[in-house]
Amino acid sequence: MPFYIYQASDSVRSCDHCREGFEQLQKIGDAKLEKCPVCGASVAKTITAPAIGRSKTALDARAKSAGFHKLKKIGTGEYEKLY
């Protein structure tokens, strides 16, 4: 189940909980929240970047095992081969 982030629609009539934004664990098919669970103020779902679960080190190891090389930029037009 994904986490959704909600934030107060009106900062004047809201509590600290919804003014700063809060996470809500919901099923994809669940209806979106319309009210803050703490104060009852109107809230809106915010758009956030998705969390990608791959680690950089795992990708580097996979590229190295496939025969690719990693280069590090050390200056203008100059690169150092890391592996």
Protein backbone atom coordinates (compact mmCIF):
# COMPACT_ATOMS: atom_id res chain seq x y z
CA MET A 1 0.00 0.00 0.00
CA PRO A 2 1.36 3.44 -0.87
CA PHE A 3 1.77 6.43 1.40
CA TYR A 4 -0.02 9.60 0.30
CA ILE A 5 0.91 13.06 1.57
CA TYR A 6 -1.87 15.46 2.49
CA GLN A 7 -1.58 19.15 3.35
CA ALA A 8 -4.04 21.78 4.57
CA SER A 9 -5.93 23.65 1.86
CA ASP A 10 -6.42 26.69 4.13
CA SER A 11 -3.45 27.49 6.39
CA VAL A 12 -5.54 29.82 8.59
CA ARG A 13 -8.09 27.21 9.71
CA SER A 14 -5.74 24.29 10.25
CA CYS A 15 -3.59 22.66 12.91
CA ASP A 16 0.18 22.10 12.87
CA HIS A 17 -0.41 18.48 11.83
CA CYS A 18 -2.07 19.29 8.51
CA ARG A 19 -0.40 22.66 7.90
CA GLU A 20 3.03 21.00 7.68
CA GLY A 21 1.68 17.97 5.81
CA PHE A 22 1.21 14.38 6.95
CA GLU A 23 1.53 10.90 5.44
CA GLN A 24 -1.44 8.57 5.20
CA LEU A 25 -1.16 4.88 4.34
CA GLN A 26 -4.03 3.98 2.02
CA LYS A 27 -4.99 1.38 -0.54
CA ILE A 28 -4.93 2.62 -4.13
CA GLY A 29 -8.69 2.18 -4.43
CA ASP A 30 -9.51 4.06 -1.20
CA ALA A 31 -11.17 7.46 -1.44
CA LYS A 32 -8.86 10.40 -0.81
CA LEU A 33 -9.08 12.21 2.51
CA GLU A 34 -11.04 15.43 2.54
CA LYS A 35 -10.60 16.40 6.20
CA CYS A 36 -7.65 16.39 8.62
CA PRO A 37 -8.02 13.51 11.11
CA VAL A 38 -6.86 15.80 13.96
CA CYS A 39 -8.71 19.11 13.47
CA GLY A 40 -11.19 18.46 10.64
CA ALA A 41 -9.80 21.17 8.34
CA SER A 42 -9.98 20.71 4.57
CA VAL A 43 -6.92 18.90 3.12
CA ALA A 44 -5.64 18.16 -0.38
CA LYS A 45 -3.39 15.38 -1.63
CA THR A 46 0.03 16.67 -2.76
CA ILE A 47 2.08 15.32 -5.64
CA THR A 48 5.44 13.82 -4.67
CA ALA A 49 8.26 12.05 -6.45
CA PRO A 50 8.08 8.24 -6.36
CA ALA A 51 10.57 6.33 -4.24
CA ILE A 52 12.77 4.09 -6.35
CA GLY A 53 14.10 1.09 -4.47
CA ARG A 54 17.36 0.40 -6.29
CA SER A 55 20.71 1.13 -4.73
CA LYS A 56 23.49 2.78 -6.68
CA THR A 57 26.08 0.22 -5.56
CA ALA A 58 24.00 -2.68 -6.85
CA LEU A 59 23.67 -0.99 -10.24
CA ASP A 60 27.43 -0.31 -10.35
CA ALA A 61 28.22 -3.96 -9.58
CA ARG A 62 25.79 -5.14 -12.24
CA ALA A 63 27.28 -2.80 -14.87
CA LYS A 64 30.82 -3.89 -13.96
CA SER A 65 29.91 -7.59 -14.24
CA ALA A 66 28.44 -6.90 -17.70
CA GLY A 67 31.75 -5.42 -18.87
CA PHE A 68 30.89 -1.72 -18.71
CA HIS A 69 33.27 0.95 -17.41
CA LYS A 70 32.53 3.80 -15.05
CA LEU A 71 34.17 7.15 -15.65
CA LYS A 72 34.59 10.04 -13.22
CA LYS A 73 34.91 13.60 -14.54
CA ILE A 74 38.12 15.20 -13.22
CA GLY A 75 38.20 18.31 -15.40
CA THR A 76 36.96 19.86 -18.60
CA GLY A 77 37.03 17.04 -21.12
CA GLU A 78 39.10 14.82 -18.77
CA TYR A 79 37.81 11.60 -17.25
CA GLU A 80 39.32 8.98 -14.97
CA LYS A 81 38.43 5.29 -15.42
CA LEU A 82 37.18 3.87 -12.10
CA TYR A 83 36.73 0.27 -13.30
